[in-house]
Each structure stands twice: as C-alpha cells, then as structure tokens.
Amino acid sequence: MLDVVEHLEDYFSFLRDIKRKSQYKLFHIPLEISVQGVLRGKIFLRNRDVHGHLHHFTKETALRTLEDIGYEVLDYSYSPESELPADLIETKLIKLPRKWFFALNEDWAARLLGGFRLLVLAK
C-alpha cells in the first residue's frame, strides 16, 4: 500500500477490508503534518489540489490508526522526501536543513520540518 491511504475517503474501512488479504502488509504514508507545514498555511490545500490527499498524518497518527484497526506494527522507518526532485523553491531551500535535522533526530525533523514518509511493516 504505497501512498494510498491519504487518498481514500474512508480509509478505515479499506484498511479493515484488506487486513485478511495477506499476513504482512507494507504501508508508505506521507507525514504532512509538521510545524513548517502549518506555518506555510496552504500546504494541506495544495496537496489536496495537486496530489488528491484527503487526509494528513504524523508518525503517531499513522501508527495509531493501524493499531486501532487491529494491525500489529512490526517495524517502521522514515523515508525522506529530500532525496526526490523538487519543483517549489520553498521545497528546494528546506532540503539541506531537513537532512541536518534528520541526522540529529529523526522524529524532531519530521515534526518540525516535514518532508518525510513513513514506511510501515504490519501484520
């Protein structure tokens, strides 16, 4: 399930329905809620208009959602978007600070600066 959940109107039902399809699932979820994203203001509406994202997550809300539905989270890691090409000047300018903060503290980098996705292995 790579970059799917944020597009679904009723992702809870979808996640429940696919639970029995296989023993292990791999989820890739954008973590769009960050201090930087909130301060920029229009990032959530932009991602809705450009990418069709109906829902936004932090690491904690993504993991809790899976657990609430009955998944056992086996492992997770961050997937930095700073490795991807960027079109917006704001995104290009924040790439280096994201890398530096990520090297110091992954959780804080995701919470403060955004620009990460969560790769989750669940059962």
PDB file of N, CA and C in Angstrom:
ATOM      1  N   MET A   1       0.856  -1.167   0.000  1.00  0.00           N
ATOM      2  CA  MET A   1       0.000   0.000   0.000  1.00  0.00           C
ATOM      3  C   MET A   1       0.904   1.233   0.000  1.00  0.00           C
ATOM      4  N   LEU A   2       1.432   1.547  -1.151  1.00  0.00           N
ATOM      5  CA  LEU A   2       2.348   2.669  -1.256  1.00  0.00           C
ATOM      6  C   LEU A   2       1.595   3.934  -1.640  1.00  0.00           C
ATOM      7  N   ASP A   3       1.531   4.875  -0.698  1.00  0.00           N
ATOM      8  CA  ASP A   3       0.895   6.174  -0.913  1.00  0.00           C
ATOM      9  C   ASP A   3      -0.555   6.033  -1.390  1.00  0.00           C
ATOM     10  N   VAL A   4      -1.358   5.296  -0.625  1.00  0.00           N
ATOM     11  CA  VAL A   4      -2.756   5.060  -0.972  1.00  0.00           C
ATOM     12  C   VAL A   4      -3.705   5.646   0.073  1.00  0.00           C
ATOM     13  N   VAL A   5      -3.427   5.397   1.332  1.00  0.00           N
ATOM     14  CA  VAL A   5      -4.347   5.699   2.428  1.00  0.00           C
ATOM     15  C   VAL A   5      -4.803   7.151   2.436  1.00  0.00           C
ATOM     16  N   GLU A   6      -3.897   8.065   2.166  1.00  0.00           N
ATOM     17  CA  GLU A   6      -4.232   9.501   2.225  1.00  0.00           C
ATOM     18  C   GLU A   6      -5.213   9.932   1.138  1.00  0.00           C
ATOM     19  N   HIS A   7      -5.425   9.087   0.134  1.00  0.00           N
ATOM     20  CA  HIS A   7      -6.337   9.404  -0.973  1.00  0.00           C
ATOM     21  C   HIS A   7      -7.759   8.889  -0.762  1.00  0.00           C
ATOM     22  N   LEU A   8      -7.945   8.004   0.186  1.00  0.00           N
ATOM     23  CA  LEU A   8      -9.222   7.313   0.347  1.00  0.00           C
ATOM     24  C   LEU A   8     -10.167   8.069   1.270  1.00  0.00           C
ATOM     25  N   GLU A   9     -11.402   8.207   0.836  1.00  0.00           N
ATOM     26  CA  GLU A   9     -12.396   8.890   1.654  1.00  0.00           C
ATOM     27  C   GLU A   9     -12.609   8.147   2.978  1.00  0.00           C
ATOM     28  N   ASP A  10     -12.768   6.832   2.920  1.00  0.00           N
ATOM     29  CA  ASP A  10     -12.986   6.020   4.119  1.00  0.00           C
ATOM     30  C   ASP A  10     -11.845   5.007   4.248  1.00  0.00           C
ATOM     31  N   TYR A  11     -10.697   5.498   4.685  1.00  0.00           N
ATOM     32  CA  TYR A  11      -9.536   4.619   4.763  1.00  0.00           C
ATOM     33  C   TYR A  11      -9.648   3.587   5.884  1.00  0.00           C
ATOM     34  N   PHE A  12     -10.458   3.848   6.906  1.00  0.00           N
ATOM     35  CA  PHE A  12     -10.641   2.862   7.974  1.00  0.00           C
ATOM     36  C   PHE A  12     -11.266   1.576   7.420  1.00  0.00           C
ATOM     37  N   SER A  13     -12.340   1.699   6.681  1.00  0.00           N
ATOM     38  CA  SER A  13     -12.992   0.521   6.100  1.00  0.00           C
ATOM     39  C   SER A  13     -12.058  -0.198   5.139  1.00  0.00           C
ATOM     40  N   PHE A  14     -11.349   0.556   4.329  1.00  0.00           N
ATOM     41  CA  PHE A  14     -10.418  -0.035   3.375  1.00  0.00           C
ATOM     42  C   PHE A  14      -9.342  -0.852   4.098  1.00  0.00           C
ATOM     43  N   LEU A  15      -8.757  -0.270   5.145  1.00  0.00           N
ATOM     44  CA  LEU A  15      -7.708  -0.978   5.895  1.00  0.00           C
ATOM     45  C   LEU A  15      -8.251  -2.228   6.582  1.00  0.00           C
ATOM     46  N   ARG A  16      -9.475  -2.166   7.063  1.00  0.00           N
ATOM     47  CA  ARG A  16     -10.100  -3.364   7.648  1.00  0.00           C
ATOM     48  C   ARG A  16     -10.311  -4.437   6.579  1.00  0.00           C
ATOM     49  N   ASP A  17     -10.783  -4.019   5.399  1.00  0.00           N
ATOM     50  CA  ASP A  17     -11.079  -4.965   4.320  1.00  0.00           C
ATOM     51  C   ASP A  17      -9.832  -5.677   3.795  1.00  0.00           C
ATOM     52  N   ILE A  18      -8.709  -4.986   3.736  1.00  0.00           N
ATOM     53  CA  ILE A  18      -7.508  -5.630   3.183  1.00  0.00           C
ATOM     54  C   ILE A  18      -6.733  -6.431   4.226  1.00  0.00           C
ATOM     55  N   LYS A  19      -7.098  -6.300   5.487  1.00  0.00           N
ATOM     56  CA  LYS A  19      -6.354  -6.952   6.561  1.00  0.00           C
ATOM     57  C   LYS A  19      -6.233  -8.463   6.349  1.00  0.00           C
ATOM     58  N   ARG A  20      -7.258  -9.097   5.866  1.00  0.00           N
ATOM     59  CA  ARG A  20      -7.251 -10.553   5.704  1.00  0.00           C
ATOM     60  C   ARG A  20      -6.622 -11.004   4.373  1.00  0.00           C
ATOM     61  N   LYS A  21      -6.228 -10.083   3.518  1.00  0.00           N
ATOM     62  CA  LYS A  21      -5.712 -10.422   2.184  1.00  0.00           C
ATOM     63  C   LYS A  21      -4.327 -11.069   2.220  1.00  0.00           C
ATOM     64  N   SER A  22      -3.514 -10.720   3.188  1.00  0.00           N
ATOM     65  CA  SER A  22      -2.188 -11.325   3.316  1.00  0.00           C
ATOM     66  C   SER A  22      -1.730 -11.195   4.766  1.00  0.00           C
ATOM     67  N   GLN A  23      -0.726 -11.980   5.129  1.00  0.00           N
ATOM     68  CA  GLN A  23      -0.263 -11.957   6.513  1.00  0.00           C
ATOM     69  C   GLN A  23       0.475 -10.655   6.828  1.00  0.00           C
ATOM     70  N   TYR A  24       1.299 -10.189   5.897  1.00  0.00           N
ATOM     71  CA  TYR A  24       2.099  -8.983   6.109  1.00  0.00           C
ATOM     72  C   TYR A  24       1.679  -7.897   5.123  1.00  0.00           C
ATOM     73  N   LYS A  25       1.722  -6.658   5.579  1.00  0.00           N
ATOM     74  CA  LYS A  25       1.424  -5.512   4.722  1.00  0.00           C
ATOM     75  C   LYS A  25       2.539  -4.491   4.870  1.00  0.00           C
ATOM     76  N   LEU A  26       2.800  -3.796   3.775  1.00  0.00           N
ATOM     77  CA  LEU A  26       3.773  -2.725   3.773  1.00  0.00           C
ATOM     78  C   LEU A  26       3.038  -1.445   3.381  1.00  0.00           C
ATOM     79  N   PHE A  27       3.097  -0.462   4.256  1.00  0.00           N
ATOM     80  CA  PHE A  27       2.426   0.816   4.024  1.00  0.00           C
ATOM     81  C   PHE A  27       3.474   1.906   3.856  1.00  0.00           C
ATOM     82  N   HIS A  28       3.210   2.834   2.969  1.00  0.00           N
ATOM     83  CA  HIS A  28       4.053   4.016   2.776  1.00  0.00           C
ATOM     84  C   HIS A  28       3.110   5.210   2.886  1.00  0.00           C
ATOM     85  N   ILE A  29       3.262   5.975   3.966  1.00  0.00           N
ATOM     86  CA  ILE A  29       2.294   7.023   4.295  1.00  0.00           C
ATOM     87  C   ILE A  29       3.001   8.373   4.409  1.00  0.00           C
ATOM     88  N   PRO A  30       2.575   9.372   3.631  1.00  0.00           N
ATOM     89  CA  PRO A  30       3.176  10.700   3.767  1.00  0.00           C
ATOM     90  C   PRO A  30       2.853  11.316   5.129  1.00  0.00           C
ATOM     91  N   LEU A  31       3.858  11.923   5.726  1.00  0.00           N
ATOM     92  CA  LEU A  31       3.680  12.605   7.013  1.00  0.00           C
ATOM     93  C   LEU A  31       3.664  14.106   6.742  1.00  0.00           C
ATOM     94  N   GLU A  32       2.490  14.617   6.467  1.00  0.00           N
ATOM     95  CA  GLU A  32       2.372  16.005   6.023  1.00  0.00           C
ATOM     96  C   GLU A  32       2.142  17.010   7.150  1.00  0.00           C
ATOM     97  N   ILE A  33       1.770  16.541   8.314  1.00  0.00           N
ATOM     98  CA  ILE A  33       1.532  17.475   9.414  1.00  0.00           C
ATOM     99  C   ILE A  33       2.858  17.752  10.111  1.00  0.00           C
ATOM    100  N   SER A  34       3.304  18.998  10.020  1.00  0.00           N
ATOM    101  CA  SER A  34       4.543  19.427  10.672  1.00  0.00           C
ATOM    102  C   SER A  34       4.400  20.896  11.039  1.00  0.00           C
ATOM    103  N   VAL A  35       5.274  21.371  11.891  1.00  0.00           N
ATOM    104  CA  VAL A  35       5.264  22.785  12.272  1.00  0.00           C
ATOM    105  C   VAL A  35       5.452  23.646  11.026  1.00  0.00           C
ATOM    106  N   GLN A  36       6.410  23.305  10.203  1.00  0.00           N
ATOM    107  CA  GLN A  36       6.688  24.054   8.981  1.00  0.00           C
ATOM    108  C   GLN A  36       5.481  24.062   8.050  1.00  0.00           C
ATOM    109  N   GLY A  37       4.797  22.926   7.925  1.00  0.00           N
ATOM    110  CA  GLY A  37       3.618  22.835   7.075  1.00  0.00           C
ATOM    111  C   GLY A  37       2.480  23.709   7.571  1.00  0.00           C
ATOM    112  N   VAL A  38       2.290  23.721   8.885  1.00  0.00           N
ATOM    113  CA  VAL A  38       1.230  24.549   9.471  1.00  0.00           C
ATOM    114  C   VAL A  38       1.567  26.033   9.289  1.00  0.00           C
ATOM    115  N   LEU A  39       2.825  26.405   9.477  1.00  0.00           N
ATOM    116  CA  LEU A  39       3.218  27.806   9.310  1.00  0.00           C
ATOM    117  C   LEU A  39       3.092  28.272   7.863  1.00  0.00           C
ATOM    118  N   ARG A  40       3.360  27.380   6.908  1.00  0.00           N
ATOM    119  CA  ARG A  40       3.217  27.746   5.489  1.00  0.00           C
ATOM    120  C   ARG A  40       1.751  27.922   5.126  1.00  0.00           C
ATOM    121  N   GLY A  41       0.882  27.276   5.865  1.00  0.00           N
ATOM    122  CA  GLY A  41      -0.550  27.508   5.718  1.00  0.00           C
ATOM    123  C   GLY A  41      -1.253  26.755   4.625  1.00  0.00           C
ATOM    124  N   LYS A  42      -0.882  26.948   3.402  1.00  0.00           N
ATOM    125  CA  LYS A  42      -1.656  26.402   2.297  1.00  0.00           C
ATOM    126  C   LYS A  42      -1.166  25.039   1.826  1.00  0.00           C
ATOM    127  N   ILE A  43      -0.196  24.468   2.495  1.00  0.00           N
ATOM    128  CA  ILE A  43       0.386  23.207   2.044  1.00  0.00           C
ATOM    129  C   ILE A  43      -0.649  22.079   2.003  1.00  0.00           C
ATOM    130  N   PHE A  44      -1.575  22.049   2.964  1.00  0.00           N
ATOM    131  CA  PHE A  44      -2.576  20.982   3.002  1.00  0.00           C
ATOM    132  C   PHE A  44      -3.547  21.091   1.824  1.00  0.00           C
ATOM    133  N   LEU A  45      -3.970  22.318   1.532  1.00  0.00           N
ATOM    134  CA  LEU A  45      -4.863  22.522   0.390  1.00  0.00           C
ATOM    135  C   LEU A  45      -4.137  22.284  -0.929  1.00  0.00           C
ATOM    136  N   ARG A  46      -2.861  22.661  -0.987  1.00  0.00           N
ATOM    137  CA  ARG A  46      -2.071  22.407  -2.198  1.00  0.00           C
ATOM    138  C   ARG A  46      -1.954  20.908  -2.448  1.00  0.00           C
ATOM    139  N   ASN A  47      -1.639  20.147  -1.405  1.00  0.00           N
ATOM    140  CA  ASN A  47      -1.505  18.696  -1.564  1.00  0.00           C
ATOM    141  C   ASN A  47      -2.845  18.043  -1.910  1.00  0.00           C
ATOM    142  N   ARG A  48      -3.906  18.646  -1.460  1.00  0.00           N
ATOM    143  CA  ARG A  48      -5.239  18.135  -1.831  1.00  0.00           C
ATOM    144  C   ARG A  48      -5.508  18.402  -3.315  1.00  0.00           C
ATOM    145  N   ASP A  49      -5.226  19.624  -3.741  1.00  0.00           N
ATOM    146  CA  ASP A  49      -5.481  20.002  -5.132  1.00  0.00           C
ATOM    147  C   ASP A  49      -4.530  19.307  -6.112  1.00  0.00           C
ATOM    148  N   VAL A  50      -3.259  19.264  -5.780  1.00  0.00           N
ATOM    149  CA  VAL A  50      -2.250  18.730  -6.698  1.00  0.00           C
ATOM    150  C   VAL A  50      -2.159  17.212  -6.647  1.00  0.00           C
ATOM    151  N   HIS A  51      -2.197  16.646  -5.431  1.00  0.00           N
ATOM    152  CA  HIS A  51      -1.964  15.208  -5.268  1.00  0.00           C
ATOM    153  C   HIS A  51      -3.199  14.407  -4.873  1.00  0.00           C
ATOM    154  N   GLY A  52      -4.296  15.089  -4.527  1.00  0.00           N
ATOM    155  CA  GLY A  52      -5.511  14.391  -4.137  1.00  0.00           C
ATOM    156  C   GLY A  52      -5.489  13.834  -2.727  1.00  0.00           C
ATOM    157  N   HIS A  53      -4.659  14.420  -1.848  1.00  0.00           N
ATOM    158  CA  HIS A  53      -4.586  13.949  -0.467  1.00  0.00           C
ATOM    159  C   HIS A  53      -5.774  14.479   0.330  1.00  0.00           C
ATOM    160  N   LEU A  54      -6.609  13.558   0.795  1.00  0.00           N
ATOM    161  CA  LEU A  54      -7.780  13.927   1.596  1.00  0.00           C
ATOM    162  C   LEU A  54      -7.470  13.924   3.087  1.00  0.00           C
ATOM    163  N   HIS A  55      -6.431  13.172   3.489  1.00  0.00           N
ATOM    164  CA  HIS A  55      -6.085  13.016   4.906  1.00  0.00           C
ATOM    165  C   HIS A  55      -4.606  13.292   5.099  1.00  0.00           C
ATOM    166  N   HIS A  56      -4.266  13.743   6.300  1.00  0.00           N
ATOM    167  CA  HIS A  56      -2.891  14.107   6.624  1.00  0.00           C
ATOM    168  C   HIS A  56      -2.514  13.431   7.932  1.00  0.00           C
ATOM    169  N   PHE A  57      -1.245  13.021   8.023  1.00  0.00           N
ATOM    170  CA  PHE A  57      -0.810  12.217   9.160  1.00  0.00           C
ATOM    171  C   PHE A  57       0.498  12.727   9.760  1.00  0.00           C
ATOM    172  N   THR A  58       0.700  12.361  11.022  1.00  0.00           N
ATOM    173  CA  THR A  58       2.003  12.397  11.683  1.00  0.00           C
ATOM    174  C   THR A  58       2.403  10.941  11.871  1.00  0.00           C
ATOM    175  N   LYS A  59       3.616  10.713  12.313  1.00  0.00           N
ATOM    176  CA  LYS A  59       4.037   9.334  12.587  1.00  0.00           C
ATOM    177  C   LYS A  59       3.086   8.691  13.591  1.00  0.00           C
ATOM    178  N   GLU A  60       2.763   9.443  14.633  1.00  0.00           N
ATOM    179  CA  GLU A  60       1.929   8.898  15.706  1.00  0.00           C
ATOM    180  C   GLU A  60       0.512   8.578  15.233  1.00  0.00           C
ATOM    181  N   THR A  61      -0.096   9.467  14.446  1.00  0.00           N
ATOM    182  CA  THR A  61      -1.467   9.202  13.999  1.00  0.00           C
ATOM    183  C   THR A  61      -1.509   8.067  12.983  1.00  0.00           C
ATOM    184  N   ALA A  62      -0.483   7.957  12.153  1.00  0.00           N
ATOM    185  CA  ALA A  62      -0.432   6.848  11.180  1.00  0.00           C
ATOM    186  C   ALA A  62      -0.313   5.506  11.897  1.00  0.00           C
ATOM    187  N   LEU A  63       0.606   5.417  12.853  1.00  0.00           N
ATOM    188  CA  LEU A  63       0.795   4.153  13.583  1.00  0.00           C
ATOM    189  C   LEU A  63      -0.427   3.810  14.424  1.00  0.00           C
ATOM    190  N   ARG A  64      -1.008   4.808  15.097  1.00  0.00           N
ATOM    191  CA  ARG A  64      -2.180   4.561  15.937  1.00  0.00           C
ATOM    192  C   ARG A  64      -3.364   4.111  15.097  1.00  0.00           C
ATOM    193  N   THR A  65      -3.534   4.675  13.920  1.00  0.00           N
ATOM    194  CA  THR A  65      -4.625   4.264  13.030  1.00  0.00           C
ATOM    195  C   THR A  65      -4.513   2.780  12.716  1.00  0.00           C
ATOM    196  N   LEU A  66      -3.319   2.340  12.344  1.00  0.00           N
ATOM    197  CA  LEU A  66      -3.115   0.920  12.025  1.00  0.00           C
ATOM    198  C   LEU A  66      -3.384   0.047  13.249  1.00  0.00           C
ATOM    199  N   GLU A  67      -2.903   0.464  14.399  1.00  0.00           N
ATOM    200  CA  GLU A  67      -3.120  -0.301  15.631  1.00  0.00           C
ATOM    201  C   GLU A  67      -4.599  -0.337  16.018  1.00  0.00           C
ATOM    202  N   ASP A  68      -5.290   0.780  15.880  1.00  0.00           N
ATOM    203  CA  ASP A  68      -6.723   0.836  16.218  1.00  0.00           C
ATOM    204  C   ASP A  68      -7.542  -0.135  15.375  1.00  0.00           C
ATOM    205  N   ILE A  69      -7.122  -0.352  14.153  1.00  0.00           N
ATOM    206  CA  ILE A  69      -7.842  -1.246  13.254  1.00  0.00           C
ATOM    207  C   ILE A  69      -7.494  -2.710  13.525  1.00  0.00           C
ATOM    208  N   GLY A  70      -6.422  -2.934  14.286  1.00  0.00           N
ATOM    209  CA  GLY A  70      -6.059  -4.303  14.638  1.00  0.00           C
ATOM    210  C   GLY A  70      -4.768  -4.810  14.032  1.00  0.00           C
ATOM    211  N   TYR A  71      -4.037  -3.944  13.352  1.00  0.00           N
ATOM    212  CA  TYR A  71      -2.737  -4.338  12.819  1.00  0.00           C
ATOM    213  C   TYR A  71      -1.704  -4.347  13.936  1.00  0.00           C
ATOM    214  N   GLU A  72      -0.760  -5.257  13.818  1.00  0.00           N
ATOM    215  CA  GLU A  72       0.400  -5.265  14.700  1.00  0.00           C
ATOM    216  C   GLU A  72       1.544  -4.637  13.914  1.00  0.00           C
ATOM    217  N   VAL A  73       2.019  -3.492  14.369  1.00  0.00           N
ATOM    218  CA  VAL A  73       3.131  -2.818  13.697  1.00  0.00           C
ATOM    219  C   VAL A  73       4.414  -3.539  14.089  1.00  0.00           C
ATOM    220  N   LEU A  74       5.075  -4.117  13.104  1.00  0.00           N
ATOM    221  CA  LEU A  74       6.294  -4.877  13.354  1.00  0.00           C
ATOM    222  C   LEU A  74       7.539  -4.005  13.286  1.00  0.00           C
ATOM    223  N   ASP A  75       7.516  -3.052  12.372  1.00  0.00           N
ATOM    224  CA  ASP A  75       8.666  -2.157  12.213  1.00  0.00           C
ATOM    225  C   ASP A  75       8.246  -0.960  11.371  1.00  0.00           C
ATOM    226  N   TYR A  76       9.010   0.110  11.493  1.00  0.00           N
ATOM    227  CA  TYR A  76       8.765   1.287  10.655  1.00  0.00           C
ATOM    228  C   TYR A  76      10.060   2.055  10.515  1.00  0.00           C
ATOM    229  N   SER A  77      10.131   2.855   9.466  1.00  0.00           N
ATOM    230  CA  SER A  77      11.265   3.753   9.282  1.00  0.00           C
ATOM    231  C   SER A  77      10.801   4.946   8.456  1.00  0.00           C
ATOM    232  N   TYR A  78      11.575   6.017   8.562  1.00  0.00           N
ATOM    233  CA  TYR A  78      11.268   7.203   7.781  1.00  0.00           C
ATOM    234  C   TYR A  78      11.823   7.054   6.369  1.00  0.00           C
ATOM    235  N   SER A  79      11.134   7.665   5.447  1.00  0.00           N
ATOM    236  CA  SER A  79      11.551   7.725   4.056  1.00  0.00           C
ATOM    237  C   SER A  79      11.632   9.205   3.698  1.00  0.00           C
ATOM    238  N   PRO A  80      12.848   9.773   3.656  1.00  0.00           N
ATOM    239  CA  PRO A  80      12.978  11.217   3.412  1.00  0.00           C
ATOM    240  C   PRO A  80      12.619  11.593   1.983  1.00  0.00           C
ATOM    241  N   GLU A  81      11.794  12.612   1.843  1.00  0.00           N
ATOM    242  CA  GLU A  81      11.449  13.128   0.527  1.00  0.00           C
ATOM    243  C   GLU A  81      12.542  14.048  -0.008  1.00  0.00           C
ATOM    244  N   SER A  82      13.517  14.387   0.841  1.00  0.00           N
ATOM    245  CA  SER A  82      14.581  15.296   0.407  1.00  0.00           C
ATOM    246  C   SER A  82      15.436  14.677  -0.690  1.00  0.00           C
ATOM    247  N   GLU A  83      15.311  13.384  -0.890  1.00  0.00           N
ATOM    248  CA  GLU A  83      16.054  12.705  -1.948  1.00  0.00           C
ATOM    249  C   GLU A  83      15.344  12.837  -3.298  1.00  0.00           C
ATOM    250  N   LEU A  84      14.105  13.282  -3.289  1.00  0.00           N
ATOM    251  CA  LEU A  84      13.328  13.404  -4.520  1.00  0.00           C
ATOM    252  C   LEU A  84      13.513  14.787  -5.139  1.00  0.00           C
ATOM    253  N   PRO A  85      13.339  14.906  -6.463  1.00  0.00           N
ATOM    254  CA  PRO A  85      13.419  16.225  -7.088  1.00  0.00           C
ATOM    255  C   PRO A  85      12.286  17.135  -6.604  1.00  0.00           C
ATOM    256  N   ALA A  86      12.549  18.429  -6.554  1.00  0.00           N
ATOM    257  CA  ALA A  86      11.549  19.387  -6.064  1.00  0.00           C
ATOM    258  C   ALA A  86      11.288  20.470  -7.106  1.00  0.00           C
ATOM    259  N   ASP A  87      10.021  20.905  -7.183  1.00  0.00           N
ATOM    260  CA  ASP A  87       9.635  21.966  -8.103  1.00  0.00           C
ATOM    261  C   ASP A  87       9.545  23.318  -7.405  1.00  0.00           C
ATOM    262  N   LEU A  88       8.978  23.326  -6.200  1.00  0.00           N
ATOM    263  CA  LEU A  88       8.772  24.584  -5.473  1.00  0.00           C
ATOM    264  C   LEU A  88      10.085  25.083  -4.869  1.00  0.00           C
ATOM    265  N   ILE A  89      10.328  26.373  -4.927  1.00  0.00           N
ATOM    266  CA  ILE A  89      11.538  26.967  -4.365  1.00  0.00           C
ATOM    267  C   ILE A  89      11.622  26.724  -2.858  1.00  0.00           C
ATOM    268  N   GLU A  90      10.456  26.781  -2.161  1.00  0.00           N
ATOM    269  CA  GLU A  90      10.433  26.534  -0.714  1.00  0.00           C
ATOM    270  C   GLU A  90      10.928  25.127  -0.393  1.00  0.00           C
ATOM    271  N   THR A  91      10.546  24.164  -1.218  1.00  0.00           N
ATOM    272  CA  THR A  91      10.949  22.777  -1.005  1.00  0.00           C
ATOM    273  C   THR A  91      12.441  22.614  -1.273  1.00  0.00           C
ATOM    274  N   LYS A  92      12.945  23.274  -2.282  1.00  0.00           N
ATOM    275  CA  LYS A  92      14.378  23.204  -2.593  1.00  0.00           C
ATOM    276  C   LYS A  92      15.215  23.812  -1.465  1.00  0.00           C
ATOM    277  N   LEU A  93      14.748  24.931  -0.901  1.00  0.00           N
ATOM    278  CA  LEU A  93      15.503  25.621   0.146  1.00  0.00           C
ATOM    279  C   LEU A  93      15.560  24.842   1.458  1.00  0.00           C
ATOM    280  N   ILE A  94      14.556  24.044   1.723  1.00  0.00           N
ATOM    281  CA  ILE A  94      14.495  23.351   3.011  1.00  0.00           C
ATOM    282  C   ILE A  94      15.151  21.958   2.977  1.00  0.00           C
ATOM    283  N   LYS A  95      15.616  21.538   1.813  1.00  0.00           N
ATOM    284  CA  LYS A  95      16.218  20.203   1.685  1.00  0.00           C
ATOM    285  C   LYS A  95      17.406  20.001   2.635  1.00  0.00           C
ATOM    286  N   LEU A  96      18.334  20.931   2.630  1.00  0.00           N
ATOM    287  CA  LEU A  96      19.530  20.779   3.456  1.00  0.00           C
ATOM    288  C   LEU A  96      19.211  20.813   4.952  1.00  0.00           C
ATOM    289  N   PRO A  97      18.405  21.782   5.438  1.00  0.00           N
ATOM    290  CA  PRO A  97      18.035  21.734   6.858  1.00  0.00           C
ATOM    291  C   PRO A  97      17.336  20.424   7.253  1.00  0.00           C
ATOM    292  N   ARG A  98      16.520  19.881   6.361  1.00  0.00           N
ATOM    293  CA  ARG A  98      15.863  18.596   6.650  1.00  0.00           C
ATOM    294  C   ARG A  98      16.893  17.490   6.844  1.00  0.00           C
ATOM    295  N   LYS A  99      17.891  17.467   5.988  1.00  0.00           N
ATOM    296  CA  LYS A  99      18.944  16.441   6.104  1.00  0.00           C
ATOM    297  C   LYS A  99      19.705  16.589   7.423  1.00  0.00           C
ATOM    298  N   TRP A 100      20.044  17.821   7.780  1.00  0.00           N
ATOM    299  CA  TRP A 100      20.788  18.069   9.020  1.00  0.00           C
ATOM    300  C   TRP A 100      19.969  17.666  10.249  1.00  0.00           C
ATOM    301  N   PHE A 101      18.725  18.136  10.307  1.00  0.00           N
ATOM    302  CA  PHE A 101      17.866  17.798  11.443  1.00  0.00           C
ATOM    303  C   PHE A 101      17.631  16.294  11.523  1.00  0.00           C
ATOM    304  N   PHE A 102      17.457  15.663  10.373  1.00  0.00           N
ATOM    305  CA  PHE A 102      17.213  14.218  10.339  1.00  0.00           C
ATOM    306  C   PHE A 102      18.414  13.460  10.911  1.00  0.00           C
ATOM    307  N   ALA A 103      19.619  13.924  10.624  1.00  0.00           N
ATOM    308  CA  ALA A 103      20.824  13.291  11.162  1.00  0.00           C
ATOM    309  C   ALA A 103      20.894  13.434  12.679  1.00  0.00           C
ATOM    310  N   LEU A 104      20.351  14.537  13.214  1.00  0.00           N
ATOM    311  CA  LEU A 104      20.369  14.771  14.659  1.00  0.00           C
ATOM    312  C   LEU A 104      19.259  14.019  15.383  1.00  0.00           C
ATOM    313  N   ASN A 105      18.037  14.106  14.847  1.00  0.00           N
ATOM    314  CA  ASN A 105      16.893  13.467  15.494  1.00  0.00           C
ATOM    315  C   ASN A 105      15.777  13.288  14.466  1.00  0.00           C
ATOM    316  N   GLU A 106      15.534  12.071  14.060  1.00  0.00           N
ATOM    317  CA  GLU A 106      14.574  11.773  13.006  1.00  0.00           C
ATOM    318  C   GLU A 106      13.160  12.251  13.342  1.00  0.00           C
ATOM    319  N   ASP A 107      12.700  11.958  14.559  1.00  0.00           N
ATOM    320  CA  ASP A 107      11.348  12.349  14.952  1.00  0.00           C
ATOM    321  C   ASP A 107      11.166  13.868  14.930  1.00  0.00           C
ATOM    322  N   TRP A 108      12.141  14.590  15.477  1.00  0.00           N
ATOM    323  CA  TRP A 108      12.039  16.047  15.504  1.00  0.00           C
ATOM    324  C   TRP A 108      12.086  16.632  14.098  1.00  0.00           C
ATOM    325  N   ALA A 109      12.905  16.057  13.235  1.00  0.00           N
ATOM    326  CA  ALA A 109      12.975  16.542  11.851  1.00  0.00           C
ATOM    327  C   ALA A 109      11.619  16.404  11.174  1.00  0.00           C
ATOM    328  N   ALA A 110      10.972  15.267  11.366  1.00  0.00           N
ATOM    329  CA  ALA A 110       9.652  15.042  10.756  1.00  0.00           C
ATOM    330  C   ALA A 110       8.611  15.986  11.354  1.00  0.00           C
ATOM    331  N   ARG A 111       8.637  16.189  12.671  1.00  0.00           N
ATOM    332  CA  ARG A 111       7.646  17.055  13.328  1.00  0.00           C
ATOM    333  C   ARG A 111       7.834  18.528  13.009  1.00  0.00           C
ATOM    334  N   LEU A 112       9.086  18.967  12.944  1.00  0.00           N
ATOM    335  CA  LEU A 112       9.360  20.388  12.728  1.00  0.00           C
ATOM    336  C   LEU A 112       9.333  20.783  11.255  1.00  0.00           C
ATOM    337  N   LEU A 113      10.040  20.025  10.431  1.00  0.00           N
ATOM    338  CA  LEU A 113      10.250  20.455   9.052  1.00  0.00           C
ATOM    339  C   LEU A 113       9.431  19.701   8.015  1.00  0.00           C
ATOM    340  N   GLY A 114       8.884  18.563   8.384  1.00  0.00           N
ATOM    341  CA  GLY A 114       8.101  17.788   7.426  1.00  0.00           C
ATOM    342  C   GLY A 114       8.963  17.264   6.303  1.00  0.00           C
ATOM    343  N   GLY A 115       8.300  16.733   5.272  1.00  0.00           N
ATOM    344  CA  GLY A 115       9.035  16.239   4.127  1.00  0.00           C
ATOM    345  C   GLY A 115       9.458  14.791   4.254  1.00  0.00           C
ATOM    346  N   PHE A 116       8.703  14.020   5.025  1.00  0.00           N
ATOM    347  CA  PHE A 116       9.038  12.611   5.225  1.00  0.00           C
ATOM    348  C   PHE A 116       7.805  11.749   5.013  1.00  0.00           C
ATOM    349  N   ARG A 117       8.054  10.506   4.741  1.00  0.00           N
ATOM    350  CA  ARG A 117       7.003   9.491   4.655  1.00  0.00           C
ATOM    351  C   ARG A 117       7.372   8.398   5.631  1.00  0.00           C
ATOM    352  N   LEU A 118       6.386   7.618   6.026  1.00  0.00           N
ATOM    353  CA  LEU A 118       6.628   6.529   6.963  1.00  0.00           C
ATOM    354  C   LEU A 118       6.419   5.208   6.233  1.00  0.00           C
ATOM    355  N   LEU A 119       7.426   4.355   6.285  1.00  0.00           N
ATOM    356  CA  LEU A 119       7.345   3.020   5.720  1.00  0.00           C
ATOM    357  C   LEU A 119       7.077   2.066   6.884  1.00  0.00           C
ATOM    358  N   VAL A 120       5.939   1.373   6.834  1.00  0.00           N
ATOM    359  CA  VAL A 120       5.495   0.552   7.964  1.00  0.00           C
ATOM    360  C   VAL A 120       5.290  -0.889   7.515  1.00  0.00           C
ATOM    361  N   LEU A 121       5.870  -1.822   8.279  1.00  0.00           N
ATOM    362  CA  LEU A 121       5.616  -3.236   8.102  1.00  0.00           C
ATOM    363  C   LEU A 121       4.647  -3.648   9.196  1.00  0.00           C
ATOM    364  N   ALA A 122       3.496  -4.204   8.798  1.00  0.00           N
ATOM    365  CA  ALA A 122       2.466  -4.562   9.772  1.00  0.00           C
ATOM    366  C   ALA A 122       1.960  -5.967   9.474  1.00  0.00           C
ATOM    367  N   LYS A 123       1.348  -6.541  10.503  1.00  0.00           N
ATOM    368  CA  LYS A 123       0.804  -7.891  10.417  1.00  0.00           C
ATOM    369  C   LYS A 123      -0.643  -7.855  10.863  1.00  0.00           C
TER     370      LYS A 123
END
